[in-house]
Amino acid sequence: MRSSYREERGASAVEFALLVPVVFTLIFGMVEFGLAFFATQSLRAGVREGARQAAVGATASQVQSAVLGGASGALDGSPQVVTVAGPNGAVSGGGLACSGTNTLGKNVTVSIDTSNYAALPPNVAESLDVSIPFLPTYALHPTISGTFRCEQ
């Protein structure tokens, strides 16, 4: 009986060594995707707030400020990545997205382009890069936009 016990010594260490990389990969994967999801949701909340402001008559610079405030600090004061497009095309500076004739009920869209990582603030670009140990880095490019109907 004692000889069969000796043959199993170290089996748990081998099982542990085989399972640790898989378990750590899963844990780090969940953490990395969770951080990327949090960053994406923060940006979406910001553009939604900006689109709401644009729909009620805010200027493009006020919309960009609303996006920065609504993004919970995710953008680090980088309004240049925010695009405002009203029924009459893109708007910048002091222009109104919902102004002019026949804009009532038309869509105004505020968006952030995540396809160009160089234009994004470093913290956002880093959050959207999912790097899991033992696997290649996966770059997320979510569509981040908010659309409301013009109320003016």
Protein backbone atom coordinates (compact mmCIF):
# COMPACT_ATOMS: atom_id res chain seq x y z
CA MET A 1 0.00 0.00 0.00
CA ARG A 2 2.76 2.38 0.83
CA SER A 3 4.49 1.90 -2.54
CA SER A 4 1.43 3.12 -4.49
CA TYR A 5 1.39 6.27 -2.34
CA ARG A 6 4.97 7.05 -3.32
CA GLU A 7 4.11 6.84 -7.00
CA GLU A 8 1.55 9.64 -6.59
CA ARG A 9 3.83 12.05 -4.76
CA GLY A 10 4.21 15.29 -6.70
CA ALA A 11 1.08 14.74 -8.80
CA SER A 12 -0.65 17.75 -7.30
CA ALA A 13 2.41 19.92 -8.05
CA VAL A 14 2.32 18.82 -11.69
CA GLU A 15 -1.43 19.51 -11.91
CA PHE A 16 -0.89 22.92 -10.34
CA ALA A 17 1.90 23.72 -12.80
CA LEU A 18 -0.33 22.74 -15.73
CA LEU A 19 -3.36 24.74 -14.59
CA VAL A 20 -1.74 27.96 -13.32
CA PRO A 21 -1.09 29.46 -16.79
CA VAL A 22 -4.67 28.76 -17.87
CA VAL A 23 -6.17 30.21 -14.69
CA PHE A 24 -3.96 33.33 -14.80
CA THR A 25 -4.78 33.85 -18.48
CA LEU A 26 -8.50 33.73 -17.67
CA ILE A 27 -8.17 36.06 -14.69
CA PHE A 28 -6.03 38.64 -16.52
CA GLY A 29 -8.33 38.37 -19.55
CA MET A 30 -11.38 39.18 -17.43
CA VAL A 31 -9.60 42.13 -15.81
CA GLU A 32 -8.33 43.54 -19.13
CA PHE A 33 -11.69 43.21 -20.88
CA GLY A 34 -13.37 44.74 -17.83
CA LEU A 35 -11.08 47.78 -18.00
CA ALA A 36 -11.67 48.13 -21.75
CA PHE A 37 -15.42 47.85 -21.23
CA PHE A 38 -15.31 50.48 -18.48
CA ALA A 39 -13.35 52.89 -20.72
CA THR A 40 -15.77 52.33 -23.60
CA GLN A 41 -18.81 52.91 -21.40
CA SER A 42 -17.28 56.10 -19.96
CA LEU A 43 -16.72 57.44 -23.47
CA ARG A 44 -20.24 56.46 -24.53
CA ALA A 45 -21.69 58.28 -21.53
CA GLY A 46 -19.71 61.37 -22.52
CA VAL A 47 -20.86 61.42 -26.15
CA ARG A 48 -24.44 60.78 -25.07
CA GLU A 49 -24.25 63.82 -22.79
CA GLY A 50 -22.69 65.87 -25.59
CA ALA A 51 -25.39 64.84 -28.07
CA ARG A 52 -28.07 65.79 -25.56
CA GLN A 53 -26.48 69.22 -25.17
CA ALA A 54 -26.24 69.65 -28.95
CA ALA A 55 -29.90 68.73 -29.39
CA VAL A 56 -31.02 71.57 -27.12
CA GLY A 57 -28.92 74.24 -28.84
CA ALA A 58 -25.38 74.15 -27.43
CA THR A 59 -22.41 75.29 -29.52
CA ALA A 60 -19.80 72.78 -30.68
CA SER A 61 -17.34 73.93 -28.02
CA GLN A 62 -20.03 73.56 -25.32
CA VAL A 63 -20.79 70.08 -26.67
CA GLN A 64 -17.11 69.13 -26.46
CA SER A 65 -16.99 70.40 -22.87
CA ALA A 66 -20.09 68.33 -22.06
CA VAL A 67 -18.43 65.25 -23.57
CA LEU A 68 -15.30 65.80 -21.48
CA GLY A 69 -17.40 66.25 -18.34
CA GLY A 70 -19.65 63.29 -19.05
CA ALA A 71 -16.77 60.92 -19.83
CA SER A 72 -15.77 60.75 -16.15
CA GLY A 73 -12.21 61.92 -16.82
CA ALA A 74 -11.55 59.30 -19.50
CA LEU A 75 -10.57 61.88 -22.14
CA ASP A 76 -8.03 63.91 -20.12
CA GLY A 77 -9.12 67.25 -21.60
CA SER A 78 -8.75 66.28 -25.28
CA PRO A 79 -11.74 67.79 -27.08
CA GLN A 80 -10.09 67.41 -30.50
CA VAL A 81 -11.20 63.76 -30.71
CA VAL A 82 -14.88 64.75 -30.42
CA THR A 83 -16.82 65.25 -33.66
CA VAL A 84 -20.16 67.07 -33.78
CA ALA A 85 -22.36 66.56 -36.85
CA GLY A 86 -25.73 68.25 -37.20
CA PRO A 87 -28.35 67.97 -39.94
CA ASN A 88 -26.35 70.45 -42.02
CA GLY A 89 -22.97 68.69 -41.65
CA ALA A 90 -20.01 68.86 -39.30
CA VAL A 91 -19.88 71.71 -36.78
CA SER A 92 -16.89 73.19 -34.98
CA GLY A 93 -16.02 76.01 -32.59
CA GLY A 94 -18.94 78.29 -31.84
CA GLY A 95 -21.25 76.81 -34.47
CA LEU A 96 -24.62 75.38 -33.50
CA ALA A 97 -25.43 71.83 -34.56
CA CYS A 98 -29.17 72.42 -34.40
CA SER A 99 -29.65 75.79 -36.03
CA GLY A 100 -30.96 77.11 -39.28
CA THR A 101 -34.11 76.13 -41.08
CA ASN A 102 -35.78 72.76 -40.81
CA THR A 103 -33.54 71.23 -38.14
CA LEU A 104 -36.35 70.47 -35.69
CA GLY A 105 -36.64 66.70 -35.40
CA LYS A 106 -33.47 66.01 -37.43
CA ASN A 107 -30.60 64.03 -35.93
CA VAL A 108 -27.48 65.49 -34.37
CA THR A 109 -24.62 63.06 -33.75
CA VAL A 110 -21.61 63.37 -31.47
CA SER A 111 -18.88 60.77 -31.93
CA ILE A 112 -15.34 59.78 -31.02
CA ASP A 113 -13.25 58.03 -33.67
CA THR A 114 -11.39 55.12 -32.06
CA SER A 115 -9.85 53.77 -35.27
CA ASN A 116 -6.83 56.11 -35.04
CA TYR A 117 -5.06 55.37 -31.76
CA ALA A 118 -2.53 58.17 -32.32
CA ALA A 119 -5.30 60.80 -32.07
CA LEU A 120 -6.72 59.38 -28.85
CA PRO A 121 -5.41 60.39 -25.43
CA PRO A 122 -2.79 57.86 -24.23
CA ASN A 123 -4.93 56.58 -21.36
CA VAL A 124 -7.86 55.80 -23.70
CA ALA A 125 -5.65 54.10 -26.30
CA GLU A 126 -4.01 52.04 -23.54
CA SER A 127 -7.38 51.04 -22.09
CA LEU A 128 -8.63 49.86 -25.48
CA ASP A 129 -5.55 47.64 -25.98
CA VAL A 130 -6.37 44.34 -24.32
CA SER A 131 -3.10 42.63 -23.42
CA ILE A 132 -3.45 39.21 -21.82
CA PRO A 133 -0.38 37.19 -20.78
CA PHE A 134 0.53 34.38 -23.20
CA LEU A 135 -1.71 35.88 -25.92
CA PRO A 136 -1.15 38.61 -28.51
CA THR A 137 -2.45 42.11 -27.77
CA TYR A 138 -5.95 42.73 -29.08
CA ALA A 139 -6.84 46.31 -30.07
CA LEU A 140 -10.49 47.25 -29.67
CA HIS A 141 -12.05 49.83 -31.99
CA PRO A 142 -15.57 50.38 -30.63
CA THR A 143 -18.06 52.66 -32.32
CA ILE A 144 -18.68 55.48 -29.89
CA SER A 145 -21.45 57.87 -30.86
CA GLY A 146 -24.56 59.46 -29.46
CA THR A 147 -27.51 60.64 -31.52
CA PHE A 148 -30.43 62.82 -30.47
CA ARG A 149 -33.11 64.70 -32.38
CA CYS A 150 -32.79 68.47 -32.54
CA GLU A 151 -35.27 70.20 -30.27
CA GLN A 152 -34.74 73.68 -31.71
